[in-house]
Amino acid sequence: MDGNISSVQLLPEGQFRAKDGRPEEVPFWHLTKAAGQKIIALIKSRPNKFIFDYEHNTLKAKKEAVEAPASGTALDFEWRDGEGLFAKVEWTDKAANYIRNREYHYISPV
């Protein structure tokens, strides 16, 4: 990690499943380069920045009274052939410390 900026893989290229066993409705998800590039274009067309949060709290905050602070902001996105979709992320100081201390290990795109 360069200061509070790092590159993280959002989704792998090809067939994949989440560590928790999803998807349940199909055998696997499948990401192609064309689909990855469409995702990048869609994200970049949004007026709001793509943020990272803790424990999916931005989704929970719509239904529950929970805070949803950002842990980081995506600065850019890229497709890497043979690897998948990546984001360059600027983490908050708090999140960067969690990562350095290995208290958070994974991301989970929504």
PDB file of N, CA and C in Angstrom:
ATOM      1  N   MET A   1       0.857  -1.172   0.000  1.00  0.00           N
ATOM      2  CA  MET A   1       0.000   0.000   0.000  1.00  0.00           C
ATOM      3  C   MET A   1       0.899   1.230   0.000  1.00  0.00           C
ATOM      4  N   ASP A   2       0.653   2.139  -0.929  1.00  0.00           N
ATOM      5  CA  ASP A   2       1.422   3.374  -1.056  1.00  0.00           C
ATOM      6  C   ASP A   2       0.696   4.462  -0.269  1.00  0.00           C
ATOM      7  N   GLY A   3       1.126   4.705   0.980  1.00  0.00           N
ATOM      8  CA  GLY A   3       0.380   5.626   1.836  1.00  0.00           C
ATOM      9  C   GLY A   3      -0.974   5.016   2.118  1.00  0.00           C
ATOM     10  N   ASN A   4      -2.016   5.727   1.738  1.00  0.00           N
ATOM     11  CA  ASN A   4      -3.368   5.207   1.909  1.00  0.00           C
ATOM     12  C   ASN A   4      -3.982   4.795   0.573  1.00  0.00           C
ATOM     13  N   ILE A   5      -3.165   4.615  -0.463  1.00  0.00           N
ATOM     14  CA  ILE A   5      -3.684   4.261  -1.786  1.00  0.00           C
ATOM     15  C   ILE A   5      -3.197   2.864  -2.153  1.00  0.00           C
ATOM     16  N   SER A   6      -4.132   2.036  -2.615  1.00  0.00           N
ATOM     17  CA  SER A   6      -3.769   0.696  -3.063  1.00  0.00           C
ATOM     18  C   SER A   6      -4.701   0.271  -4.183  1.00  0.00           C
ATOM     19  N   SER A   7      -4.311  -0.763  -4.868  1.00  0.00           N
ATOM     20  CA  SER A   7      -5.124  -1.351  -5.921  1.00  0.00           C
ATOM     21  C   SER A   7      -5.755  -2.620  -5.370  1.00  0.00           C
ATOM     22  N   VAL A   8      -7.062  -2.774  -5.570  1.00  0.00           N
ATOM     23  CA  VAL A   8      -7.763  -3.957  -5.089  1.00  0.00           C
ATOM     24  C   VAL A   8      -8.548  -4.590  -6.228  1.00  0.00           C
ATOM     25  N   GLN A   9      -8.604  -5.896  -6.207  1.00  0.00           N
ATOM     26  CA  GLN A   9      -9.390  -6.605  -7.210  1.00  0.00           C
ATOM     27  C   GLN A   9     -10.843  -6.640  -6.763  1.00  0.00           C
ATOM     28  N   LEU A  10     -11.719  -6.122  -7.632  1.00  0.00           N
ATOM     29  CA  LEU A  10     -13.146  -6.146  -7.341  1.00  0.00           C
ATOM     30  C   LEU A  10     -13.770  -7.470  -7.760  1.00  0.00           C
ATOM     31  N   LEU A  11     -13.443  -7.917  -8.971  1.00  0.00           N
ATOM     32  CA  LEU A  11     -14.008  -9.154  -9.513  1.00  0.00           C
ATOM     33  C   LEU A  11     -12.966  -9.853 -10.368  1.00  0.00           C
ATOM     34  N   PRO A  12     -12.899 -11.187 -10.293  1.00  0.00           N
ATOM     35  CA  PRO A  12     -11.945 -11.903 -11.134  1.00  0.00           C
ATOM     36  C   PRO A  12     -12.493 -12.148 -12.538  1.00  0.00           C
ATOM     37  N   GLU A  13     -11.589 -12.317 -13.487  1.00  0.00           N
ATOM     38  CA  GLU A  13     -11.990 -12.671 -14.841  1.00  0.00           C
ATOM     39  C   GLU A  13     -12.388 -14.148 -14.863  1.00  0.00           C
ATOM     40  N   GLY A  14     -13.401 -14.467 -15.680  1.00  0.00           N
ATOM     41  CA  GLY A  14     -13.826 -15.853 -15.842  1.00  0.00           C
ATOM     42  C   GLY A  14     -14.902 -16.253 -14.850  1.00  0.00           C
ATOM     43  N   GLN A  15     -14.988 -17.562 -14.599  1.00  0.00           N
ATOM     44  CA  GLN A  15     -15.993 -18.108 -13.695  1.00  0.00           C
ATOM     45  C   GLN A  15     -15.533 -17.971 -12.248  1.00  0.00           C
ATOM     46  N   PHE A  16     -16.480 -17.597 -11.360  1.00  0.00           N
ATOM     47  CA  PHE A  16     -16.120 -17.497  -9.951  1.00  0.00           C
ATOM     48  C   PHE A  16     -17.356 -17.598  -9.070  1.00  0.00           C
ATOM     49  N   ARG A  17     -17.105 -17.877  -7.805  1.00  0.00           N
ATOM     50  CA  ARG A  17     -18.133 -17.910  -6.763  1.00  0.00           C
ATOM     51  C   ARG A  17     -17.596 -17.114  -5.574  1.00  0.00           C
ATOM     52  N   ALA A  18     -18.495 -16.603  -4.761  1.00  0.00           N
ATOM     53  CA  ALA A  18     -18.093 -15.901  -3.541  1.00  0.00           C
ATOM     54  C   ALA A  18     -17.630 -16.913  -2.492  1.00  0.00           C
ATOM     55  N   LYS A  19     -16.841 -16.463  -1.535  1.00  0.00           N
ATOM     56  CA  LYS A  19     -16.348 -17.349  -0.481  1.00  0.00           C
ATOM     57  C   LYS A  19     -17.485 -17.910   0.369  1.00  0.00           C
ATOM     58  N   ASP A  20     -18.631 -17.200   0.404  1.00  0.00           N
ATOM     59  CA  ASP A  20     -19.767 -17.674   1.201  1.00  0.00           C
ATOM     60  C   ASP A  20     -20.687 -18.624   0.421  1.00  0.00           C
ATOM     61  N   GLY A  21     -20.283 -19.002  -0.796  1.00  0.00           N
ATOM     62  CA  GLY A  21     -21.062 -19.968  -1.559  1.00  0.00           C
ATOM     63  C   GLY A  21     -21.981 -19.386  -2.614  1.00  0.00           C
ATOM     64  N   ARG A  22     -22.162 -18.070  -2.612  1.00  0.00           N
ATOM     65  CA  ARG A  22     -23.011 -17.473  -3.644  1.00  0.00           C
ATOM     66  C   ARG A  22     -22.314 -17.568  -4.994  1.00  0.00           C
ATOM     67  N   PRO A  23     -23.050 -17.599  -6.070  1.00  0.00           N
ATOM     68  CA  PRO A  23     -24.503 -17.479  -6.182  1.00  0.00           C
ATOM     69  C   PRO A  23     -25.194 -18.808  -5.896  1.00  0.00           C
ATOM     70  N   GLU A  24     -26.451 -18.707  -5.480  1.00  0.00           N
ATOM     71  CA  GLU A  24     -27.248 -19.901  -5.207  1.00  0.00           C
ATOM     72  C   GLU A  24     -28.121 -20.269  -6.401  1.00  0.00           C
ATOM     73  N   GLU A  25     -28.499 -19.257  -7.194  1.00  0.00           N
ATOM     74  CA  GLU A  25     -29.455 -19.477  -8.282  1.00  0.00           C
ATOM     75  C   GLU A  25     -28.819 -19.982  -9.575  1.00  0.00           C
ATOM     76  N   VAL A  26     -27.497 -19.877  -9.680  1.00  0.00           N
ATOM     77  CA  VAL A  26     -26.756 -20.372 -10.843  1.00  0.00           C
ATOM     78  C   VAL A  26     -25.462 -21.013 -10.332  1.00  0.00           C
ATOM     79  N   PRO A  27     -24.807 -21.855 -11.159  1.00  0.00           N
ATOM     80  CA  PRO A  27     -23.584 -22.528 -10.680  1.00  0.00           C
ATOM     81  C   PRO A  27     -22.426 -21.580 -10.374  1.00  0.00           C
ATOM     82  N   PHE A  28     -22.350 -20.434 -11.076  1.00  0.00           N
ATOM     83  CA  PHE A  28     -21.239 -19.499 -10.872  1.00  0.00           C
ATOM     84  C   PHE A  28     -21.571 -18.192 -11.574  1.00  0.00           C
ATOM     85  N   TRP A  29     -20.790 -17.165 -11.255  1.00  0.00           N
ATOM     86  CA  TRP A  29     -20.829 -15.924 -12.023  1.00  0.00           C
ATOM     87  C   TRP A  29     -19.726 -16.011 -13.066  1.00  0.00           C
ATOM     88  N   HIS A  30     -19.842 -15.242 -14.133  1.00  0.00           N
ATOM     89  CA  HIS A  30     -18.829 -15.269 -15.188  1.00  0.00           C
ATOM     90  C   HIS A  30     -18.584 -13.838 -15.653  1.00  0.00           C
ATOM     91  N   LEU A  31     -17.345 -13.391 -15.577  1.00  0.00           N
ATOM     92  CA  LEU A  31     -16.994 -12.032 -15.983  1.00  0.00           C
ATOM     93  C   LEU A  31     -16.038 -12.077 -17.160  1.00  0.00           C
ATOM     94  N   THR A  32     -16.450 -11.431 -18.244  1.00  0.00           N
ATOM     95  CA  THR A  32     -15.608 -11.317 -19.436  1.00  0.00           C
ATOM     96  C   THR A  32     -14.981  -9.932 -19.483  1.00  0.00           C
ATOM     97  N   LYS A  33     -14.004  -9.764 -20.343  1.00  0.00           N
ATOM     98  CA  LYS A  33     -13.376  -8.461 -20.532  1.00  0.00           C
ATOM     99  C   LYS A  33     -14.415  -7.439 -20.996  1.00  0.00           C
ATOM    100  N   ALA A  34     -15.280  -7.828 -21.942  1.00  0.00           N
ATOM    101  CA  ALA A  34     -16.303  -6.901 -22.452  1.00  0.00           C
ATOM    102  C   ALA A  34     -17.241  -6.455 -21.334  1.00  0.00           C
ATOM    103  N   ALA A  35     -17.668  -7.387 -20.497  1.00  0.00           N
ATOM    104  CA  ALA A  35     -18.551  -7.034 -19.384  1.00  0.00           C
ATOM    105  C   ALA A  35     -17.822  -6.162 -18.373  1.00  0.00           C
ATOM    106  N   GLY A  36     -16.556  -6.474 -18.103  1.00  0.00           N
ATOM    107  CA  GLY A  36     -15.758  -5.664 -17.176  1.00  0.00           C
ATOM    108  C   GLY A  36     -15.603  -4.240 -17.662  1.00  0.00           C
ATOM    109  N   GLN A  37     -15.382  -4.082 -18.959  1.00  0.00           N
ATOM    110  CA  GLN A  37     -15.251  -2.737 -19.520  1.00  0.00           C
ATOM    111  C   GLN A  37     -16.580  -1.985 -19.483  1.00  0.00           C
ATOM    112  N   LYS A  38     -17.687  -2.698 -19.627  1.00  0.00           N
ATOM    113  CA  LYS A  38     -19.013  -2.058 -19.504  1.00  0.00           C
ATOM    114  C   LYS A  38     -19.241  -1.597 -18.074  1.00  0.00           C
ATOM    115  N   ILE A  39     -18.827  -2.412 -17.110  1.00  0.00           N
ATOM    116  CA  ILE A  39     -18.962  -2.033 -15.700  1.00  0.00           C
ATOM    117  C   ILE A  39     -18.151  -0.769 -15.426  1.00  0.00           C
ATOM    118  N   ILE A  40     -16.922  -0.721 -15.930  1.00  0.00           N
ATOM    119  CA  ILE A  40     -16.078   0.468 -15.735  1.00  0.00           C
ATOM    120  C   ILE A  40     -16.746   1.702 -16.336  1.00  0.00           C
ATOM    121  N   ALA A  41     -17.263   1.584 -17.550  1.00  0.00           N
ATOM    122  CA  ALA A  41     -17.922   2.723 -18.203  1.00  0.00           C
ATOM    123  C   ALA A  41     -19.143   3.175 -17.403  1.00  0.00           C
ATOM    124  N   LEU A  42     -19.925   2.228 -16.893  1.00  0.00           N
ATOM    125  CA  LEU A  42     -21.107   2.566 -16.100  1.00  0.00           C
ATOM    126  C   LEU A  42     -20.716   3.295 -14.819  1.00  0.00           C
ATOM    127  N   ILE A  43     -19.707   2.779 -14.126  1.00  0.00           N
ATOM    128  CA  ILE A  43     -19.257   3.413 -12.880  1.00  0.00           C
ATOM    129  C   ILE A  43     -18.763   4.833 -13.157  1.00  0.00           C
ATOM    130  N   LYS A  44     -17.979   4.993 -14.211  1.00  0.00           N
ATOM    131  CA  LYS A  44     -17.418   6.310 -14.531  1.00  0.00           C
ATOM    132  C   LYS A  44     -18.486   7.296 -15.007  1.00  0.00           C
ATOM    133  N   SER A  45     -19.631   6.800 -15.455  1.00  0.00           N
ATOM    134  CA  SER A  45     -20.698   7.699 -15.909  1.00  0.00           C
ATOM    135  C   SER A  45     -21.553   8.212 -14.754  1.00  0.00           C
ATOM    136  N   ARG A  46     -21.399   7.624 -13.598  1.00  0.00           N
ATOM    137  CA  ARG A  46     -22.194   8.043 -12.431  1.00  0.00           C
ATOM    138  C   ARG A  46     -21.709   9.387 -11.905  1.00  0.00           C
ATOM    139  N   PRO A  47     -22.619  10.234 -11.449  1.00  0.00           N
ATOM    140  CA  PRO A  47     -22.186  11.526 -10.899  1.00  0.00           C
ATOM    141  C   PRO A  47     -21.502  11.397  -9.537  1.00  0.00           C
ATOM    142  N   ASN A  48     -21.851  10.371  -8.781  1.00  0.00           N
ATOM    143  CA  ASN A  48     -21.259  10.183  -7.453  1.00  0.00           C
ATOM    144  C   ASN A  48     -20.065   9.251  -7.524  1.00  0.00           C
ATOM    145  N   LYS A  49     -19.123   9.474  -6.635  1.00  0.00           N
ATOM    146  CA  LYS A  49     -17.939   8.623  -6.576  1.00  0.00           C
ATOM    147  C   LYS A  49     -18.323   7.237  -6.053  1.00  0.00           C
ATOM    148  N   PHE A  50     -17.536   6.252  -6.430  1.00  0.00           N
ATOM    149  CA  PHE A  50     -17.696   4.878  -5.965  1.00  0.00           C
ATOM    150  C   PHE A  50     -16.979   4.790  -4.629  1.00  0.00           C
ATOM    151  N   ILE A  51     -17.708   4.463  -3.564  1.00  0.00           N
ATOM    152  CA  ILE A  51     -17.088   4.411  -2.242  1.00  0.00           C
ATOM    153  C   ILE A  51     -17.053   2.985  -1.711  1.00  0.00           C
ATOM    154  N   PHE A  52     -16.192   2.770  -0.759  1.00  0.00           N
ATOM    155  CA  PHE A  52     -16.121   1.520  -0.023  1.00  0.00           C
ATOM    156  C   PHE A  52     -16.624   1.821   1.381  1.00  0.00           C
ATOM    157  N   ASP A  53     -17.293   0.838   1.981  1.00  0.00           N
ATOM    158  CA  ASP A  53     -17.784   1.027   3.341  1.00  0.00           C
ATOM    159  C   ASP A  53     -17.409  -0.178   4.190  1.00  0.00           C
ATOM    160  N   TYR A  54     -17.902  -0.202   5.414  1.00  0.00           N
ATOM    161  CA  TYR A  54     -17.661  -1.313   6.317  1.00  0.00           C
ATOM    162  C   TYR A  54     -18.915  -2.178   6.393  1.00  0.00           C
ATOM    163  N   GLU A  55     -18.749  -3.487   6.270  1.00  0.00           N
ATOM    164  CA  GLU A  55     -19.810  -4.468   6.516  1.00  0.00           C
ATOM    165  C   GLU A  55     -21.104  -4.221   5.728  1.00  0.00           C
ATOM    166  N   HIS A  56     -21.007  -3.653   4.535  1.00  0.00           N
ATOM    167  CA  HIS A  56     -22.177  -3.347   3.689  1.00  0.00           C
ATOM    168  C   HIS A  56     -23.162  -2.386   4.378  1.00  0.00           C
ATOM    169  N   ASN A  57     -22.642  -1.516   5.246  1.00  0.00           N
ATOM    170  CA  ASN A  57     -23.531  -0.632   5.996  1.00  0.00           C
ATOM    171  C   ASN A  57     -24.276   0.374   5.134  1.00  0.00           C
ATOM    172  N   THR A  58     -23.780   0.707   3.946  1.00  0.00           N
ATOM    173  CA  THR A  58     -24.550   1.615   3.095  1.00  0.00           C
ATOM    174  C   THR A  58     -25.849   0.958   2.660  1.00  0.00           C
ATOM    175  N   LEU A  59     -25.870  -0.358   2.524  1.00  0.00           N
ATOM    176  CA  LEU A  59     -27.110  -1.060   2.202  1.00  0.00           C
ATOM    177  C   LEU A  59     -28.006  -1.182   3.427  1.00  0.00           C
ATOM    178  N   LYS A  60     -27.409  -1.480   4.572  1.00  0.00           N
ATOM    179  CA  LYS A  60     -28.173  -1.637   5.812  1.00  0.00           C
ATOM    180  C   LYS A  60     -28.790  -0.324   6.275  1.00  0.00           C
ATOM    181  N   ALA A  61     -28.112   0.800   6.014  1.00  0.00           N
ATOM    182  CA  ALA A  61     -28.579   2.107   6.501  1.00  0.00           C
ATOM    183  C   ALA A  61     -29.934   2.476   5.913  1.00  0.00           C
ATOM    184  N   LYS A  62     -30.285   1.917   4.760  1.00  0.00           N
ATOM    185  CA  LYS A  62     -31.589   2.205   4.153  1.00  0.00           C
ATOM    186  C   LYS A  62     -32.722   1.593   4.963  1.00  0.00           C
ATOM    187  N   LYS A  63     -32.441   0.498   5.684  1.00  0.00           N
ATOM    188  CA  LYS A  63     -33.485  -0.218   6.431  1.00  0.00           C
ATOM    189  C   LYS A  63     -33.320  -0.125   7.938  1.00  0.00           C
ATOM    190  N   GLU A  64     -32.084   0.057   8.388  1.00  0.00           N
ATOM    191  CA  GLU A  64     -31.783   0.063   9.813  1.00  0.00           C
ATOM    192  C   GLU A  64     -31.127   1.380  10.201  1.00  0.00           C
ATOM    193  N   ALA A  65     -31.146   1.670  11.473  1.00  0.00           N
ATOM    194  CA  ALA A  65     -30.505   2.898  11.952  1.00  0.00           C
ATOM    195  C   ALA A  65     -29.032   2.615  12.250  1.00  0.00           C
ATOM    196  N   VAL A  66     -28.246   2.436  11.189  1.00  0.00           N
ATOM    197  CA  VAL A  66     -26.809   2.217  11.358  1.00  0.00           C
ATOM    198  C   VAL A  66     -26.056   3.299  10.608  1.00  0.00           C
ATOM    199  N   GLU A  67     -24.895   3.648  11.141  1.00  0.00           N
ATOM    200  CA  GLU A  67     -24.034   4.592  10.429  1.00  0.00           C
ATOM    201  C   GLU A  67     -23.380   3.869   9.268  1.00  0.00           C
ATOM    202  N   ALA A  68     -23.046   4.614   8.226  1.00  0.00           N
ATOM    203  CA  ALA A  68     -22.415   4.017   7.053  1.00  0.00           C
ATOM    204  C   ALA A  68     -21.245   4.881   6.584  1.00  0.00           C
ATOM    205  N   PRO A  69     -20.207   4.972   7.422  1.00  0.00           N
ATOM    206  CA  PRO A  69     -19.060   5.785   7.005  1.00  0.00           C
ATOM    207  C   PRO A  69     -18.281   5.108   5.878  1.00  0.00           C
ATOM    208  N   ALA A  70     -17.704   5.929   5.051  1.00  0.00           N
ATOM    209  CA  ALA A  70     -16.859   5.412   3.972  1.00  0.00           C
ATOM    210  C   ALA A  70     -15.533   4.938   4.549  1.00  0.00           C
ATOM    211  N   SER A  71     -15.016   3.860   3.984  1.00  0.00           N
ATOM    212  CA  SER A  71     -13.671   3.411   4.344  1.00  0.00           C
ATOM    213  C   SER A  71     -12.669   3.830   3.274  1.00  0.00           C
ATOM    214  N   GLY A  72     -13.190   4.156   2.083  1.00  0.00           N
ATOM    215  CA  GLY A  72     -12.320   4.580   0.998  1.00  0.00           C
ATOM    216  C   GLY A  72     -13.112   5.055  -0.195  1.00  0.00           C
ATOM    217  N   THR A  73     -12.396   5.672  -1.129  1.00  0.00           N
ATOM    218  CA  THR A  73     -12.986   6.186  -2.362  1.00  0.00           C
ATOM    219  C   THR A  73     -12.188   5.662  -3.540  1.00  0.00           C
ATOM    220  N   ALA A  74     -12.893   5.145  -4.539  1.00  0.00           N
ATOM    221  CA  ALA A  74     -12.215   4.677  -5.745  1.00  0.00           C
ATOM    222  C   ALA A  74     -11.756   5.882  -6.554  1.00  0.00           C
ATOM    223  N   LEU A  75     -10.486   5.873  -6.931  1.00  0.00           N
ATOM    224  CA  LEU A  75      -9.919   6.948  -7.738  1.00  0.00           C
ATOM    225  C   LEU A  75      -9.971   6.608  -9.222  1.00  0.00           C
ATOM    226  N   ASP A  76      -9.887   5.304  -9.538  1.00  0.00           N
ATOM    227  CA  ASP A  76      -9.890   4.866 -10.926  1.00  0.00           C
ATOM    228  C   ASP A  76     -10.173   3.376 -10.982  1.00  0.00           C
ATOM    229  N   PHE A  77     -10.494   2.898 -12.178  1.00  0.00           N
ATOM    230  CA  PHE A  77     -10.785   1.480 -12.405  1.00  0.00           C
ATOM    231  C   PHE A  77     -10.004   1.020 -13.619  1.00  0.00           C
ATOM    232  N   GLU A  78      -9.658  -0.275 -13.625  1.00  0.00           N
ATOM    233  CA  GLU A  78      -8.977  -0.813 -14.793  1.00  0.00           C
ATOM    234  C   GLU A  78      -9.289  -2.291 -14.952  1.00  0.00           C
ATOM    235  N   TRP A  79      -9.234  -2.739 -16.202  1.00  0.00           N
ATOM    236  CA  TRP A  79      -9.349  -4.151 -16.527  1.00  0.00           C
ATOM    237  C   TRP A  79      -7.943  -4.689 -16.744  1.00  0.00           C
ATOM    238  N   ARG A  80      -7.620  -5.798 -16.103  1.00  0.00           N
ATOM    239  CA  ARG A  80      -6.326  -6.447 -16.293  1.00  0.00           C
ATOM    240  C   ARG A  80      -6.582  -7.811 -16.928  1.00  0.00           C
ATOM    241  N   ASP A  81      -6.109  -7.987 -18.152  1.00  0.00           N
ATOM    242  CA  ASP A  81      -6.292  -9.255 -18.855  1.00  0.00           C
ATOM    243  C   ASP A  81      -5.753 -10.413 -18.026  1.00  0.00           C
ATOM    244  N   GLY A  82      -6.551 -11.459 -17.935  1.00  0.00           N
ATOM    245  CA  GLY A  82      -6.154 -12.641 -17.172  1.00  0.00           C
ATOM    246  C   GLY A  82      -6.368 -12.518 -15.680  1.00  0.00           C
ATOM    247  N   GLU A  83      -6.773 -11.330 -15.212  1.00  0.00           N
ATOM    248  CA  GLU A  83      -6.982 -11.122 -13.773  1.00  0.00           C
ATOM    249  C   GLU A  83      -8.395 -10.643 -13.456  1.00  0.00           C
ATOM    250  N   GLY A  84      -8.840  -9.564 -14.111  1.00  0.00           N
ATOM    251  CA  GLY A  84     -10.193  -9.072 -13.860  1.00  0.00           C
ATOM    252  C   GLY A  84     -10.267  -7.587 -13.637  1.00  0.00           C
ATOM    253  N   LEU A  85     -11.274  -7.179 -12.875  1.00  0.00           N
ATOM    254  CA  LEU A  85     -11.594  -5.773 -12.634  1.00  0.00           C
ATOM    255  C   LEU A  85     -10.942  -5.295 -11.342  1.00  0.00           C
ATOM    256  N   PHE A  86     -10.214  -4.182 -11.434  1.00  0.00           N
ATOM    257  CA  PHE A  86      -9.500  -3.619 -10.284  1.00  0.00           C
ATOM    258  C   PHE A  86      -9.891  -2.169 -10.066  1.00  0.00           C
ATOM    259  N   ALA A  87      -9.767  -1.723  -8.828  1.00  0.00           N
ATOM    260  CA  ALA A  87      -9.977  -0.320  -8.484  1.00  0.00           C
ATOM    261  C   ALA A  87      -8.755   0.200  -7.750  1.00  0.00           C
ATOM    262  N   LYS A  88      -8.381   1.428  -8.058  1.00  0.00           N
ATOM    263  CA  LYS A  88      -7.347   2.138  -7.295  1.00  0.00           C
ATOM    264  C   LYS A  88      -8.112   2.888  -6.218  1.00  0.00           C
ATOM    265  N   VAL A  89      -7.807   2.600  -4.951  1.00  0.00           N
ATOM    266  CA  VAL A  89      -8.603   3.110  -3.832  1.00  0.00           C
ATOM    267  C   VAL A  89      -7.751   3.973  -2.908  1.00  0.00           C
ATOM    268  N   GLU A  90      -8.316   5.094  -2.523  1.00  0.00           N
ATOM    269  CA  GLU A  90      -7.712   5.909  -1.461  1.00  0.00           C
ATOM    270  C   GLU A  90      -8.489   5.623  -0.191  1.00  0.00           C
ATOM    271  N   TRP A  91      -7.838   4.948   0.750  1.00  0.00           N
ATOM    272  CA  TRP A  91      -8.472   4.563   2.009  1.00  0.00           C
ATOM    273  C   TRP A  91      -8.434   5.710   3.006  1.00  0.00           C
ATOM    274  N   THR A  92      -9.427   5.758   3.876  1.00  0.00           N
ATOM    275  CA  THR A  92      -9.372   6.706   4.987  1.00  0.00           C
ATOM    276  C   THR A  92      -8.238   6.264   5.912  1.00  0.00           C
ATOM    277  N   ASP A  93      -7.797   7.152   6.783  1.00  0.00           N
ATOM    278  CA  ASP A  93      -6.740   6.791   7.730  1.00  0.00           C
ATOM    279  C   ASP A  93      -7.168   5.602   8.587  1.00  0.00           C
ATOM    280  N   LYS A  94      -8.419   5.617   9.042  1.00  0.00           N
ATOM    281  CA  LYS A  94      -8.934   4.530   9.881  1.00  0.00           C
ATOM    282  C   LYS A  94      -8.886   3.198   9.128  1.00  0.00           C
ATOM    283  N   ALA A  95      -9.372   3.182   7.891  1.00  0.00           N
ATOM    284  CA  ALA A  95      -9.380   1.954   7.100  1.00  0.00           C
ATOM    285  C   ALA A  95      -7.961   1.498   6.781  1.00  0.00           C
ATOM    286  N   ALA A  96      -7.084   2.444   6.456  1.00  0.00           N
ATOM    287  CA  ALA A  96      -5.687   2.090   6.162  1.00  0.00           C
ATOM    288  C   ALA A  96      -5.043   1.418   7.367  1.00  0.00           C
ATOM    289  N   ASN A  97      -5.356   1.902   8.565  1.00  0.00           N
ATOM    290  CA  ASN A  97      -4.818   1.270   9.772  1.00  0.00           C
ATOM    291  C   ASN A  97      -5.384  -0.132   9.963  1.00  0.00           C
ATOM    292  N   TYR A  98      -6.697  -0.304   9.709  1.00  0.00           N
ATOM    293  CA  TYR A  98      -7.295  -1.648   9.785  1.00  0.00           C
ATOM    294  C   TYR A  98      -6.579  -2.605   8.827  1.00  0.00           C
ATOM    295  N   ILE A  99      -6.312  -2.141   7.617  1.00  0.00           N
ATOM    296  CA  ILE A  99      -5.659  -2.979   6.608  1.00  0.00           C
ATOM    297  C   ILE A  99      -4.223  -3.295   7.029  1.00  0.00           C
ATOM    298  N   ARG A 100      -3.480  -2.274   7.454  1.00  0.00           N
ATOM    299  CA  ARG A 100      -2.094  -2.493   7.891  1.00  0.00           C
ATOM    300  C   ARG A 100      -2.020  -3.469   9.067  1.00  0.00           C
ATOM    301  N   ASN A 101      -3.008  -3.367   9.982  1.00  0.00           N
ATOM    302  CA  ASN A 101      -3.042  -4.233  11.162  1.00  0.00           C
ATOM    303  C   ASN A 101      -3.704  -5.580  10.880  1.00  0.00           C
ATOM    304  N   ARG A 102      -4.098  -5.794   9.626  1.00  0.00           N
ATOM    305  CA  ARG A 102      -4.733  -7.043   9.175  1.00  0.00           C
ATOM    306  C   ARG A 102      -6.034  -7.341   9.895  1.00  0.00           C
ATOM    307  N   GLU A 103      -6.745  -6.273  10.266  1.00  0.00           N
ATOM    308  CA  GLU A 103      -8.043  -6.439  10.904  1.00  0.00           C
ATOM    309  C   GLU A 103      -9.157  -6.564   9.868  1.00  0.00           C
ATOM    310  N   TYR A 104      -8.910  -6.066   8.676  1.00  0.00           N
ATOM    311  CA  TYR A 104      -9.796  -6.274   7.525  1.00  0.00           C
ATOM    312  C   TYR A 104      -8.947  -6.872   6.420  1.00  0.00           C
ATOM    313  N   HIS A 105      -9.463  -7.957   5.791  1.00  0.00           N
ATOM    314  CA  HIS A 105      -8.697  -8.675   4.778  1.00  0.00           C
ATOM    315  C   HIS A 105      -9.340  -8.646   3.395  1.00  0.00           C
ATOM    316  N   TYR A 106     -10.655  -8.504   3.336  1.00  0.00           N
ATOM    317  CA  TYR A 106     -11.365  -8.689   2.080  1.00  0.00           C
ATOM    318  C   TYR A 106     -12.260  -7.500   1.767  1.00  0.00           C
ATOM    319  N   ILE A 107     -12.611  -7.389   0.494  1.00  0.00           N
ATOM    320  CA  ILE A 107     -13.643  -6.458   0.089  1.00  0.00           C
ATOM    321  C   ILE A 107     -14.779  -7.282  -0.497  1.00  0.00           C
ATOM    322  N   SER A 108     -15.956  -6.689  -0.558  1.00  0.00           N
ATOM    323  CA  SER A 108     -17.127  -7.383  -1.090  1.00  0.00           C
ATOM    324  C   SER A 108     -17.935  -6.392  -1.908  1.00  0.00           C
ATOM    325  N   PRO A 109     -17.737  -6.369  -3.221  1.00  0.00           N
ATOM    326  CA  PRO A 109     -18.458  -5.400  -4.055  1.00  0.00           C
ATOM    327  C   PRO A 109     -19.959  -5.674  -4.061  1.00  0.00           C
ATOM    328  N   VAL A 110     -20.723  -4.602  -4.115  1.00  0.00           N
ATOM    329  CA  VAL A 110     -22.180  -4.713  -4.188  1.00  0.00           C
ATOM    330  C   VAL A 110     -22.626  -4.099  -5.498  1.00  0.00           C
TER     331      VAL A 110
END
